[in-house]
Amino acid sequence: MRLRFMFALGFAALVAFAFGGRPIAADGPYTKIAEIAIGGGGGFDYLTVDSAGHRLYVTHGTEVVVIDTTTNTIVGRITDTPGVHGVAIAPGDRGFTSNGRENKVSIVDL
């Protein structure tokens, strides 16, 4: 029951983030200003931005790479997330990952 509640909470946070207030993008042309090397094997899936925490969460194979958006440097990795697709950020420094290869959601202290 608790797992079902946590999954529902994570999904609700993901939906709230996806449909929340979005800033209006500037008119193009867009210009690449930086590149950040991630390394490792496996493909990429979704990106999640935590504007308040200045973090970018990049799902990558079996891990989530955490990037500081003020310095454009990798500050951490959330490992053991086989086939990770996405990350949802919740209040209280809590995160949720959807792990497609094991049909599970991981709950992470951020």
PDB file of N, CA and C in Angstrom:
ATOM      1  N   MET A   1       0.822  -1.183   0.000  1.00  0.00           N
ATOM      2  CA  MET A   1       0.000   0.000   0.000  1.00  0.00           C
ATOM      3  C   MET A   1       0.874   1.258   0.000  1.00  0.00           C
ATOM      4  N   ARG A   2       1.920   1.266   0.825  1.00  0.00           N
ATOM      5  CA  ARG A   2       2.799   2.430   0.899  1.00  0.00           C
ATOM      6  C   ARG A   2       3.513   2.652  -0.433  1.00  0.00           C
ATOM      7  N   LEU A   3       3.953   1.566  -1.081  1.00  0.00           N
ATOM      8  CA  LEU A   3       4.623   1.692  -2.367  1.00  0.00           C
ATOM      9  C   LEU A   3       3.679   2.300  -3.390  1.00  0.00           C
ATOM     10  N   ARG A   4       2.436   1.874  -3.376  1.00  0.00           N
ATOM     11  CA  ARG A   4       1.440   2.405  -4.303  1.00  0.00           C
ATOM     12  C   ARG A   4       1.241   3.900  -4.045  1.00  0.00           C
ATOM     13  N   PHE A   5       1.188   4.292  -2.775  1.00  0.00           N
ATOM     14  CA  PHE A   5       1.044   5.702  -2.426  1.00  0.00           C
ATOM     15  C   PHE A   5       2.253   6.502  -2.903  1.00  0.00           C
ATOM     16  N   MET A   6       3.453   5.974  -2.686  1.00  0.00           N
ATOM     17  CA  MET A   6       4.665   6.679  -3.093  1.00  0.00           C
ATOM     18  C   MET A   6       4.730   6.814  -4.620  1.00  0.00           C
ATOM     19  N   PHE A   7       4.320   5.778  -5.328  1.00  0.00           N
ATOM     20  CA  PHE A   7       4.295   5.849  -6.782  1.00  0.00           C
ATOM     21  C   PHE A   7       3.293   6.903  -7.235  1.00  0.00           C
ATOM     22  N   ALA A   8       2.112   6.918  -6.620  1.00  0.00           N
ATOM     23  CA  ALA A   8       1.101   7.919  -6.968  1.00  0.00           C
ATOM     24  C   ALA A   8       1.601   9.325  -6.669  1.00  0.00           C
ATOM     25  N   LEU A   9       2.275   9.494  -5.547  1.00  0.00           N
ATOM     26  CA  LEU A   9       2.831  10.789  -5.181  1.00  0.00           C
ATOM     27  C   LEU A   9       3.887  11.217  -6.202  1.00  0.00           C
ATOM     28  N   GLY A  10       4.749  10.295  -6.575  1.00  0.00           N
ATOM     29  CA  GLY A  10       5.771  10.589  -7.574  1.00  0.00           C
ATOM     30  C   GLY A  10       5.163  10.960  -8.914  1.00  0.00           C
ATOM     31  N   PHE A  11       4.138  10.240  -9.319  1.00  0.00           N
ATOM     32  CA  PHE A  11       3.468  10.526 -10.583  1.00  0.00           C
ATOM     33  C   PHE A  11       2.796  11.892 -10.520  1.00  0.00           C
ATOM     34  N   ALA A  12       2.156  12.201  -9.399  1.00  0.00           N
ATOM     35  CA  ALA A  12       1.505  13.505  -9.240  1.00  0.00           C
ATOM     36  C   ALA A  12       2.527  14.632  -9.316  1.00  0.00           C
ATOM     37  N   ALA A  13       3.695  14.423  -8.703  1.00  0.00           N
ATOM     38  CA  ALA A  13       4.746  15.438  -8.758  1.00  0.00           C
ATOM     39  C   ALA A  13       5.237  15.629 -10.186  1.00  0.00           C
ATOM     40  N   LEU A  14       5.372  14.533 -10.923  1.00  0.00           N
ATOM     41  CA  LEU A  14       5.809  14.602 -12.303  1.00  0.00           C
ATOM     42  C   LEU A  14       4.802  15.367 -13.154  1.00  0.00           C
ATOM     43  N   VAL A  15       3.522  15.083 -12.974  1.00  0.00           N
ATOM     44  CA  VAL A  15       2.477  15.780 -13.727  1.00  0.00           C
ATOM     45  C   VAL A  15       2.458  17.259 -13.366  1.00  0.00           C
ATOM     46  N   ALA A  16       2.560  17.565 -12.078  1.00  0.00           N
ATOM     47  CA  ALA A  16       2.554  18.961 -11.639  1.00  0.00           C
ATOM     48  C   ALA A  16       3.737  19.715 -12.248  1.00  0.00           C
ATOM     49  N   PHE A  17       4.890  19.066 -12.286  1.00  0.00           N
ATOM     50  CA  PHE A  17       6.065  19.704 -12.862  1.00  0.00           C
ATOM     51  C   PHE A  17       5.888  19.911 -14.362  1.00  0.00           C
ATOM     52  N   ALA A  18       5.364  18.915 -15.038  1.00  0.00           N
ATOM     53  CA  ALA A  18       5.222  18.983 -16.493  1.00  0.00           C
ATOM     54  C   ALA A  18       4.222  20.047 -16.924  1.00  0.00           C
ATOM     55  N   PHE A  19       3.151  20.243 -16.163  1.00  0.00           N
ATOM     56  CA  PHE A  19       2.109  21.172 -16.572  1.00  0.00           C
ATOM     57  C   PHE A  19       2.082  22.446 -15.747  1.00  0.00           C
ATOM     58  N   GLY A  20       3.089  22.630 -14.902  1.00  0.00           N
ATOM     59  CA  GLY A  20       3.161  23.845 -14.088  1.00  0.00           C
ATOM     60  C   GLY A  20       3.475  25.047 -14.952  1.00  0.00           C
ATOM     61  N   GLY A  21       3.596  26.194 -14.317  1.00  0.00           N
ATOM     62  CA  GLY A  21       3.906  27.415 -15.057  1.00  0.00           C
ATOM     63  C   GLY A  21       5.228  27.296 -15.785  1.00  0.00           C
ATOM     64  N   ARG A  22       5.204  27.603 -17.051  1.00  0.00           N
ATOM     65  CA  ARG A  22       6.413  27.510 -17.859  1.00  0.00           C
ATOM     66  C   ARG A  22       6.815  28.900 -18.337  1.00  0.00           C
ATOM     67  N   PRO A  23       8.084  29.222 -18.236  1.00  0.00           N
ATOM     68  CA  PRO A  23       8.513  30.513 -18.764  1.00  0.00           C
ATOM     69  C   PRO A  23       8.411  30.516 -20.285  1.00  0.00           C
ATOM     70  N   ILE A  24       8.204  31.670 -20.824  1.00  0.00           N
ATOM     71  CA  ILE A  24       8.117  31.796 -22.273  1.00  0.00           C
ATOM     72  C   ILE A  24       9.541  31.854 -22.823  1.00  0.00           C
ATOM     73  N   ALA A  25       9.808  31.014 -23.811  1.00  0.00           N
ATOM     74  CA  ALA A  25      11.142  30.971 -24.411  1.00  0.00           C
ATOM     75  C   ALA A  25      11.349  32.186 -25.307  1.00  0.00           C
ATOM     76  N   ALA A  26      12.572  32.632 -25.361  1.00  0.00           N
ATOM     77  CA  ALA A  26      12.918  33.747 -26.235  1.00  0.00           C
ATOM     78  C   ALA A  26      12.788  33.299 -27.684  1.00  0.00           C
ATOM     79  N   ASP A  27      12.488  34.257 -28.547  1.00  0.00           N
ATOM     80  CA  ASP A  27      12.461  33.949 -29.965  1.00  0.00           C
ATOM     81  C   ASP A  27      13.852  33.580 -30.424  1.00  0.00           C
ATOM     82  N   GLY A  28      13.930  32.627 -31.383  1.00  0.00           N
ATOM     83  CA  GLY A  28      15.210  32.186 -31.905  1.00  0.00           C
ATOM     84  C   GLY A  28      15.934  33.314 -32.616  1.00  0.00           C
ATOM     85  N   PRO A  29      17.079  33.096 -33.162  1.00  0.00           N
ATOM     86  CA  PRO A  29      17.704  31.780 -33.235  1.00  0.00           C
ATOM     87  C   PRO A  29      18.356  31.390 -31.905  1.00  0.00           C
ATOM     88  N   TYR A  30      18.325  30.101 -31.638  1.00  0.00           N
ATOM     89  CA  TYR A  30      18.934  29.575 -30.426  1.00  0.00           C
ATOM     90  C   TYR A  30      20.404  29.303 -30.686  1.00  0.00           C
ATOM     91  N   THR A  31      21.223  29.503 -29.680  1.00  0.00           N
ATOM     92  CA  THR A  31      22.659  29.317 -29.803  1.00  0.00           C
ATOM     93  C   THR A  31      23.152  28.411 -28.688  1.00  0.00           C
ATOM     94  N   LYS A  32      23.906  27.384 -29.060  1.00  0.00           N
ATOM     95  CA  LYS A  32      24.508  26.504 -28.058  1.00  0.00           C
ATOM     96  C   LYS A  32      25.563  27.288 -27.306  1.00  0.00           C
ATOM     97  N   ILE A  33      25.475  27.252 -25.952  1.00  0.00           N
ATOM     98  CA  ILE A  33      26.429  28.022 -25.157  1.00  0.00           C
ATOM     99  C   ILE A  33      27.429  27.146 -24.410  1.00  0.00           C
ATOM    100  N   ALA A  34      27.133  25.835 -24.303  1.00  0.00           N
ATOM    101  CA  ALA A  34      28.062  24.955 -23.591  1.00  0.00           C
ATOM    102  C   ALA A  34      27.727  23.502 -23.906  1.00  0.00           C
ATOM    103  N   GLU A  35      28.681  22.620 -23.630  1.00  0.00           N
ATOM    104  CA  GLU A  35      28.485  21.175 -23.682  1.00  0.00           C
ATOM    105  C   GLU A  35      29.040  20.601 -22.388  1.00  0.00           C
ATOM    106  N   ILE A  36      28.363  19.561 -21.900  1.00  0.00           N
ATOM    107  CA  ILE A  36      28.809  18.887 -20.676  1.00  0.00           C
ATOM    108  C   ILE A  36      28.999  17.413 -21.015  1.00  0.00           C
ATOM    109  N   ALA A  37      30.221  16.920 -20.905  1.00  0.00           N
ATOM    110  CA  ALA A  37      30.504  15.515 -21.198  1.00  0.00           C
ATOM    111  C   ALA A  37      29.966  14.646 -20.063  1.00  0.00           C
ATOM    112  N   ILE A  38      29.153  13.646 -20.421  1.00  0.00           N
ATOM    113  CA  ILE A  38      28.550  12.750 -19.433  1.00  0.00           C
ATOM    114  C   ILE A  38      29.366  11.468 -19.307  1.00  0.00           C
ATOM    115  N   GLY A  39      29.809  10.911 -20.425  1.00  0.00           N
ATOM    116  CA  GLY A  39      30.569   9.664 -20.415  1.00  0.00           C
ATOM    117  C   GLY A  39      29.691   8.459 -20.134  1.00  0.00           C
ATOM    118  N   GLY A  40      30.304   7.292 -20.119  1.00  0.00           N
ATOM    119  CA  GLY A  40      29.585   6.058 -19.822  1.00  0.00           C
ATOM    120  C   GLY A  40      28.835   5.506 -21.007  1.00  0.00           C
ATOM    121  N   GLY A  41      28.299   4.294 -20.806  1.00  0.00           N
ATOM    122  CA  GLY A  41      27.564   3.626 -21.865  1.00  0.00           C
ATOM    123  C   GLY A  41      26.066   3.765 -21.685  1.00  0.00           C
ATOM    124  N   GLY A  42      25.340   3.330 -22.675  1.00  0.00           N
ATOM    125  CA  GLY A  42      23.888   3.375 -22.592  1.00  0.00           C
ATOM    126  C   GLY A  42      23.330   4.658 -23.169  1.00  0.00           C
ATOM    127  N   GLY A  43      22.028   4.625 -23.406  1.00  0.00           N
ATOM    128  CA  GLY A  43      21.370   5.773 -24.017  1.00  0.00           C
ATOM    129  C   GLY A  43      20.844   6.750 -22.993  1.00  0.00           C
ATOM    130  N   PHE A  44      20.340   7.854 -23.518  1.00  0.00           N
ATOM    131  CA  PHE A  44      19.751   8.892 -22.692  1.00  0.00           C
ATOM    132  C   PHE A  44      18.240   8.847 -22.835  1.00  0.00           C
ATOM    133  N   ASP A  45      17.543   9.367 -21.848  1.00  0.00           N
ATOM    134  CA  ASP A  45      16.089   9.434 -21.927  1.00  0.00           C
ATOM    135  C   ASP A  45      15.666  10.860 -21.609  1.00  0.00           C
ATOM    136  N   TYR A  46      15.036  11.087 -20.484  1.00  0.00           N
ATOM    137  CA  TYR A  46      14.489  12.406 -20.174  1.00  0.00           C
ATOM    138  C   TYR A  46      15.409  13.234 -19.288  1.00  0.00           C
ATOM    139  N   LEU A  47      15.234  14.547 -19.384  1.00  0.00           N
ATOM    140  CA  LEU A  47      15.915  15.501 -18.524  1.00  0.00           C
ATOM    141  C   LEU A  47      14.899  16.085 -17.552  1.00  0.00           C
ATOM    142  N   THR A  48      15.328  16.352 -16.333  1.00  0.00           N
ATOM    143  CA  THR A  48      14.481  17.025 -15.350  1.00  0.00           C
ATOM    144  C   THR A  48      15.269  18.180 -14.764  1.00  0.00           C
ATOM    145  N   VAL A  49      14.654  19.364 -14.740  1.00  0.00           N
ATOM    146  CA  VAL A  49      15.308  20.550 -14.193  1.00  0.00           C
ATOM    147  C   VAL A  49      14.698  20.883 -12.841  1.00  0.00           C
ATOM    148  N   ASP A  50      15.556  21.118 -11.871  1.00  0.00           N
ATOM    149  CA  ASP A  50      15.160  21.632 -10.564  1.00  0.00           C
ATOM    150  C   ASP A  50      15.696  23.060 -10.498  1.00  0.00           C
ATOM    151  N   SER A  51      14.870  24.020 -10.902  1.00  0.00           N
ATOM    152  CA  SER A  51      15.316  25.419 -10.978  1.00  0.00           C
ATOM    153  C   SER A  51      15.737  25.956  -9.623  1.00  0.00           C
ATOM    154  N   ALA A  52      14.968  25.655  -8.594  1.00  0.00           N
ATOM    155  CA  ALA A  52      15.281  26.171  -7.261  1.00  0.00           C
ATOM    156  C   ALA A  52      16.599  25.602  -6.740  1.00  0.00           C
ATOM    157  N   GLY A  53      16.869  24.335  -7.023  1.00  0.00           N
ATOM    158  CA  GLY A  53      18.086  23.693  -6.542  1.00  0.00           C
ATOM    159  C   GLY A  53      19.262  23.810  -7.489  1.00  0.00           C
ATOM    160  N   HIS A  54      19.043  24.434  -8.661  1.00  0.00           N
ATOM    161  CA  HIS A  54      20.097  24.592  -9.668  1.00  0.00           C
ATOM    162  C   HIS A  54      20.683  23.248 -10.082  1.00  0.00           C
ATOM    163  N   ARG A  55      19.797  22.290 -10.336  1.00  0.00           N
ATOM    164  CA  ARG A  55      20.238  20.955 -10.730  1.00  0.00           C
ATOM    165  C   ARG A  55      19.534  20.517 -12.012  1.00  0.00           C
ATOM    166  N   LEU A  56      20.262  19.768 -12.824  1.00  0.00           N
ATOM    167  CA  LEU A  56      19.720  19.113 -14.001  1.00  0.00           C
ATOM    168  C   LEU A  56      19.935  17.619 -13.806  1.00  0.00           C
ATOM    169  N   TYR A  57      18.866  16.831 -13.916  1.00  0.00           N
ATOM    170  CA  TYR A  57      18.934  15.382 -13.746  1.00  0.00           C
ATOM    171  C   TYR A  57      18.821  14.751 -15.128  1.00  0.00           C
ATOM    172  N   VAL A  58      19.868  14.013 -15.528  1.00  0.00           N
ATOM    173  CA  VAL A  58      19.941  13.416 -16.854  1.00  0.00           C
ATOM    174  C   VAL A  58      19.883  11.904 -16.703  1.00  0.00           C
ATOM    175  N   THR A  59      18.823  11.270 -17.212  1.00  0.00           N
ATOM    176  CA  THR A  59      18.727   9.815 -17.130  1.00  0.00           C
ATOM    177  C   THR A  59      19.626   9.221 -18.219  1.00  0.00           C
ATOM    178  N   HIS A  60      20.413   8.224 -17.804  1.00  0.00           N
ATOM    179  CA  HIS A  60      21.461   7.722 -18.689  1.00  0.00           C
ATOM    180  C   HIS A  60      21.742   6.254 -18.377  1.00  0.00           C
ATOM    181  N   GLY A  61      21.147   5.341 -19.164  1.00  0.00           N
ATOM    182  CA  GLY A  61      21.412   3.911 -19.002  1.00  0.00           C
ATOM    183  C   GLY A  61      20.924   3.360 -17.677  1.00  0.00           C
ATOM    184  N   THR A  62      21.837   3.180 -16.737  1.00  0.00           N
ATOM    185  CA  THR A  62      21.492   2.616 -15.425  1.00  0.00           C
ATOM    186  C   THR A  62      21.742   3.598 -14.298  1.00  0.00           C
ATOM    187  N   GLU A  63      21.823   4.889 -14.641  1.00  0.00           N
ATOM    188  CA  GLU A  63      22.062   5.891 -13.616  1.00  0.00           C
ATOM    189  C   GLU A  63      21.442   7.225 -14.013  1.00  0.00           C
ATOM    190  N   VAL A  64      21.386   8.114 -13.038  1.00  0.00           N
ATOM    191  CA  VAL A  64      20.964   9.495 -13.270  1.00  0.00           C
ATOM    192  C   VAL A  64      22.171  10.363 -12.955  1.00  0.00           C
ATOM    193  N   VAL A  65      22.565  11.178 -13.908  1.00  0.00           N
ATOM    194  CA  VAL A  65      23.692  12.084 -13.724  1.00  0.00           C
ATOM    195  C   VAL A  65      23.132  13.421 -13.243  1.00  0.00           C
ATOM    196  N   VAL A  66      23.700  13.933 -12.151  1.00  0.00           N
ATOM    197  CA  VAL A  66      23.232  15.186 -11.549  1.00  0.00           C
ATOM    198  C   VAL A  66      24.226  16.286 -11.882  1.00  0.00           C
ATOM    199  N   ILE A  67      23.726  17.349 -12.512  1.00  0.00           N
ATOM    200  CA  ILE A  67      24.579  18.452 -12.962  1.00  0.00           C
ATOM    201  C   ILE A  67      24.172  19.735 -12.248  1.00  0.00           C
ATOM    202  N   ASP A  68      25.166  20.467 -11.763  1.00  0.00           N
ATOM    203  CA  ASP A  68      24.938  21.790 -11.180  1.00  0.00           C
ATOM    204  C   ASP A  68      24.802  22.769 -12.347  1.00  0.00           C
ATOM    205  N   THR A  69      23.635  23.423 -12.467  1.00  0.00           N
ATOM    206  CA  THR A  69      23.401  24.297 -13.611  1.00  0.00           C
ATOM    207  C   THR A  69      24.071  25.666 -13.475  1.00  0.00           C
ATOM    208  N   THR A  70      24.616  25.973 -12.318  1.00  0.00           N
ATOM    209  CA  THR A  70      25.345  27.240 -12.188  1.00  0.00           C
ATOM    210  C   THR A  70      26.796  27.107 -12.629  1.00  0.00           C
ATOM    211  N   THR A  71      27.354  25.897 -12.506  1.00  0.00           N
ATOM    212  CA  THR A  71      28.754  25.680 -12.882  1.00  0.00           C
ATOM    213  C   THR A  71      28.911  24.731 -14.069  1.00  0.00           C
ATOM    214  N   ASN A  72      27.798  24.109 -14.506  1.00  0.00           N
ATOM    215  CA  ASN A  72      27.822  23.123 -15.598  1.00  0.00           C
ATOM    216  C   ASN A  72      28.786  21.977 -15.314  1.00  0.00           C
ATOM    217  N   THR A  73      28.809  21.529 -14.064  1.00  0.00           N
ATOM    218  CA  THR A  73      29.662  20.404 -13.690  1.00  0.00           C
ATOM    219  C   THR A  73      28.816  19.283 -13.096  1.00  0.00           C
ATOM    220  N   ILE A  74      29.298  18.062 -13.256  1.00  0.00           N
ATOM    221  CA  ILE A  74      28.634  16.905 -12.666  1.00  0.00           C
ATOM    222  C   ILE A  74      28.930  16.906 -11.171  1.00  0.00           C
ATOM    223  N   VAL A  75      27.872  16.869 -10.364  1.00  0.00           N
ATOM    224  CA  VAL A  75      28.048  16.906  -8.911  1.00  0.00           C
ATOM    225  C   VAL A  75      27.643  15.592  -8.243  1.00  0.00           C
ATOM    226  N   GLY A  76      27.116  14.657  -9.020  1.00  0.00           N
ATOM    227  CA  GLY A  76      26.742  13.380  -8.438  1.00  0.00           C
ATOM    228  C   GLY A  76      26.100  12.451  -9.445  1.00  0.00           C
ATOM    229  N   ARG A  77      25.905  11.232  -8.998  1.00  0.00           N
ATOM    230  CA  ARG A  77      25.253  10.202  -9.812  1.00  0.00           C
ATOM    231  C   ARG A  77      24.342   9.389  -8.910  1.00  0.00           C
ATOM    232  N   ILE A  78      23.153   9.120  -9.386  1.00  0.00           N
ATOM    233  CA  ILE A  78      22.227   8.225  -8.694  1.00  0.00           C
ATOM    234  C   ILE A  78      22.330   6.901  -9.436  1.00  0.00           C
ATOM    235  N   THR A  79      22.927   5.900  -8.798  1.00  0.00           N
ATOM    236  CA  THR A  79      23.205   4.627  -9.457  1.00  0.00           C
ATOM    237  C   THR A  79      22.140   3.586  -9.132  1.00  0.00           C
ATOM    238  N   ASP A  80      22.308   2.421  -9.727  1.00  0.00           N
ATOM    239  CA  ASP A  80      21.413   1.279  -9.519  1.00  0.00           C
ATOM    240  C   ASP A  80      19.970   1.620  -9.886  1.00  0.00           C
ATOM    241  N   THR A  81      19.820   2.194 -11.080  1.00  0.00           N
ATOM    242  CA  THR A  81      18.497   2.511 -11.619  1.00  0.00           C
ATOM    243  C   THR A  81      18.391   1.923 -13.035  1.00  0.00           C
ATOM    244  N   PRO A  82      18.294   0.595 -13.155  1.00  0.00           N
ATOM    245  CA  PRO A  82      18.319  -0.073 -14.453  1.00  0.00           C
ATOM    246  C   PRO A  82      17.216   0.407 -15.404  1.00  0.00           C
ATOM    247  N   GLY A  83      17.636   0.912 -16.553  1.00  0.00           N
ATOM    248  CA  GLY A  83      16.681   1.365 -17.561  1.00  0.00           C
ATOM    249  C   GLY A  83      15.927   2.610 -17.140  1.00  0.00           C
ATOM    250  N   VAL A  84      16.569   3.481 -16.383  1.00  0.00           N
ATOM    251  CA  VAL A  84      15.893   4.669 -15.857  1.00  0.00           C
ATOM    252  C   VAL A  84      15.364   5.530 -17.009  1.00  0.00           C
ATOM    253  N   HIS A  85      14.109   5.956 -16.858  1.00  0.00           N
ATOM    254  CA  HIS A  85      13.466   6.794 -17.877  1.00  0.00           C
ATOM    255  C   HIS A  85      13.358   8.238 -17.424  1.00  0.00           C
ATOM    256  N   GLY A  86      12.909   8.464 -16.205  1.00  0.00           N
ATOM    257  CA  GLY A  86      12.666   9.824 -15.764  1.00  0.00           C
ATOM    258  C   GLY A  86      12.873  10.001 -14.277  1.00  0.00           C
ATOM    259  N   VAL A  87      12.887  11.262 -13.874  1.00  0.00           N
ATOM    260  CA  VAL A  87      13.055  11.644 -12.474  1.00  0.00           C
ATOM    261  C   VAL A  87      11.968  12.645 -12.126  1.00  0.00           C
ATOM    262  N   ALA A  88      11.362  12.469 -10.961  1.00  0.00           N
ATOM    263  CA  ALA A  88      10.410  13.444 -10.427  1.00  0.00           C
ATOM    264  C   ALA A  88      10.980  13.980  -9.128  1.00  0.00           C
ATOM    265  N   ILE A  89      10.948  15.295  -8.972  1.00  0.00           N
ATOM    266  CA  ILE A  89      11.469  15.945  -7.774  1.00  0.00           C
ATOM    267  C   ILE A  89      10.279  16.368  -6.924  1.00  0.00           C
ATOM    268  N   ALA A  90      10.338  16.039  -5.640  1.00  0.00           N
ATOM    269  CA  ALA A  90       9.257  16.376  -4.708  1.00  0.00           C
ATOM    270  C   ALA A  90       9.806  17.263  -3.594  1.00  0.00           C
ATOM    271  N   PRO A  91       8.917  17.992  -2.916  1.00  0.00           N
ATOM    272  CA  PRO A  91       9.378  18.793  -1.772  1.00  0.00           C
ATOM    273  C   PRO A  91      10.042  17.907  -0.713  1.00  0.00           C
ATOM    274  N   GLY A  92      10.891  18.528   0.077  1.00  0.00           N
ATOM    275  CA  GLY A  92      11.556  17.776   1.140  1.00  0.00           C
ATOM    276  C   GLY A  92      12.773  17.033   0.660  1.00  0.00           C
ATOM    277  N   ASP A  93      13.396  17.504  -0.437  1.00  0.00           N
ATOM    278  CA  ASP A  93      14.612  16.868  -0.968  1.00  0.00           C
ATOM    279  C   ASP A  93      14.415  15.392  -1.262  1.00  0.00           C
ATOM    280  N   ARG A  94      13.311  15.065  -1.890  1.00  0.00           N
ATOM    281  CA  ARG A  94      13.000  13.687  -2.245  1.00  0.00           C
ATOM    282  C   ARG A  94      12.878  13.587  -3.761  1.00  0.00           C
ATOM    283  N   GLY A  95      13.397  12.516  -4.336  1.00  0.00           N
ATOM    284  CA  GLY A  95      13.288  12.279  -5.766  1.00  0.00           C
ATOM    285  C   GLY A  95      12.802  10.870  -6.040  1.00  0.00           C
ATOM    286  N   PHE A  96      12.237  10.683  -7.224  1.00  0.00           N
ATOM    287  CA  PHE A  96      11.712   9.388  -7.643  1.00  0.00           C
ATOM    288  C   PHE A  96      12.221   9.102  -9.045  1.00  0.00           C
ATOM    289  N   THR A  97      12.700   7.886  -9.280  1.00  0.00           N
ATOM    290  CA  THR A  97      13.124   7.486 -10.618  1.00  0.00           C
ATOM    291  C   THR A  97      12.263   6.329 -11.090  1.00  0.00           C
ATOM    292  N   SER A  98      11.948   6.320 -12.374  1.00  0.00           N
ATOM    293  CA  SER A  98      11.222   5.187 -12.949  1.00  0.00           C
ATOM    294  C   SER A  98      12.241   4.287 -13.645  1.00  0.00           C
ATOM    295  N   ASN A  99      12.358   3.053 -13.160  1.00  0.00           N
ATOM    296  CA  ASN A  99      13.376   2.117 -13.631  1.00  0.00           C
ATOM    297  C   ASN A  99      12.715   1.050 -14.503  1.00  0.00           C
ATOM    298  N   GLY A 100      12.773   1.253 -15.811  1.00  0.00           N
ATOM    299  CA  GLY A 100      12.048   0.411 -16.746  1.00  0.00           C
ATOM    300  C   GLY A 100      12.481  -1.035 -16.802  1.00  0.00           C
ATOM    301  N   ARG A 101      13.757  -1.321 -16.606  1.00  0.00           N
ATOM    302  CA  ARG A 101      14.221  -2.706 -16.728  1.00  0.00           C
ATOM    303  C   ARG A 101      13.861  -3.572 -15.541  1.00  0.00           C
ATOM    304  N   GLU A 102      13.486  -2.963 -14.420  1.00  0.00           N
ATOM    305  CA  GLU A 102      13.106  -3.782 -13.274  1.00  0.00           C
ATOM    306  C   GLU A 102      11.679  -3.493 -12.807  1.00  0.00           C
ATOM    307  N   ASN A 103      10.961  -2.659 -13.579  1.00  0.00           N
ATOM    308  CA  ASN A 103       9.563  -2.342 -13.261  1.00  0.00           C
ATOM    309  C   ASN A 103       9.406  -1.856 -11.824  1.00  0.00           C
ATOM    310  N   LYS A 104      10.270  -0.919 -11.430  1.00  0.00           N
ATOM    311  CA  LYS A 104      10.241  -0.372 -10.077  1.00  0.00           C
ATOM    312  C   LYS A 104      10.428   1.136 -10.119  1.00  0.00           C
ATOM    313  N   VAL A 105      10.057   1.765  -9.022  1.00  0.00           N
ATOM    314  CA  VAL A 105      10.343   3.178  -8.791  1.00  0.00           C
ATOM    315  C   VAL A 105      11.301   3.241  -7.610  1.00  0.00           C
ATOM    316  N   SER A 106      12.393   3.975  -7.777  1.00  0.00           N
ATOM    317  CA  SER A 106      13.325   4.184  -6.668  1.00  0.00           C
ATOM    318  C   SER A 106      13.000   5.506  -5.995  1.00  0.00           C
ATOM    319  N   ILE A 107      13.114   5.540  -4.681  1.00  0.00           N
ATOM    320  CA  ILE A 107      12.917   6.754  -3.902  1.00  0.00           C
ATOM    321  C   ILE A 107      14.295   7.173  -3.406  1.00  0.00           C
ATOM    322  N   VAL A 108      14.657   8.438  -3.656  1.00  0.00           N
ATOM    323  CA  VAL A 108      16.014   8.898  -3.413  1.00  0.00           C
ATOM    324  C   VAL A 108      16.006  10.162  -2.559  1.00  0.00           C
ATOM    325  N   ASP A 109      16.879  10.213  -1.559  1.00  0.00           N
ATOM    326  CA  ASP A 109      17.130  11.460  -0.830  1.00  0.00           C
ATOM    327  C   ASP A 109      18.082  12.297  -1.673  1.00  0.00           C
ATOM    328  N   LEU A 110      17.708  13.531  -1.929  1.00  0.00           N
ATOM    329  CA  LEU A 110      18.540  14.393  -2.790  1.00  0.00           C
ATOM    330  C   LEU A 110      19.390  15.347  -1.985  1.00  0.00           C
TER     331      LEU A 110
END
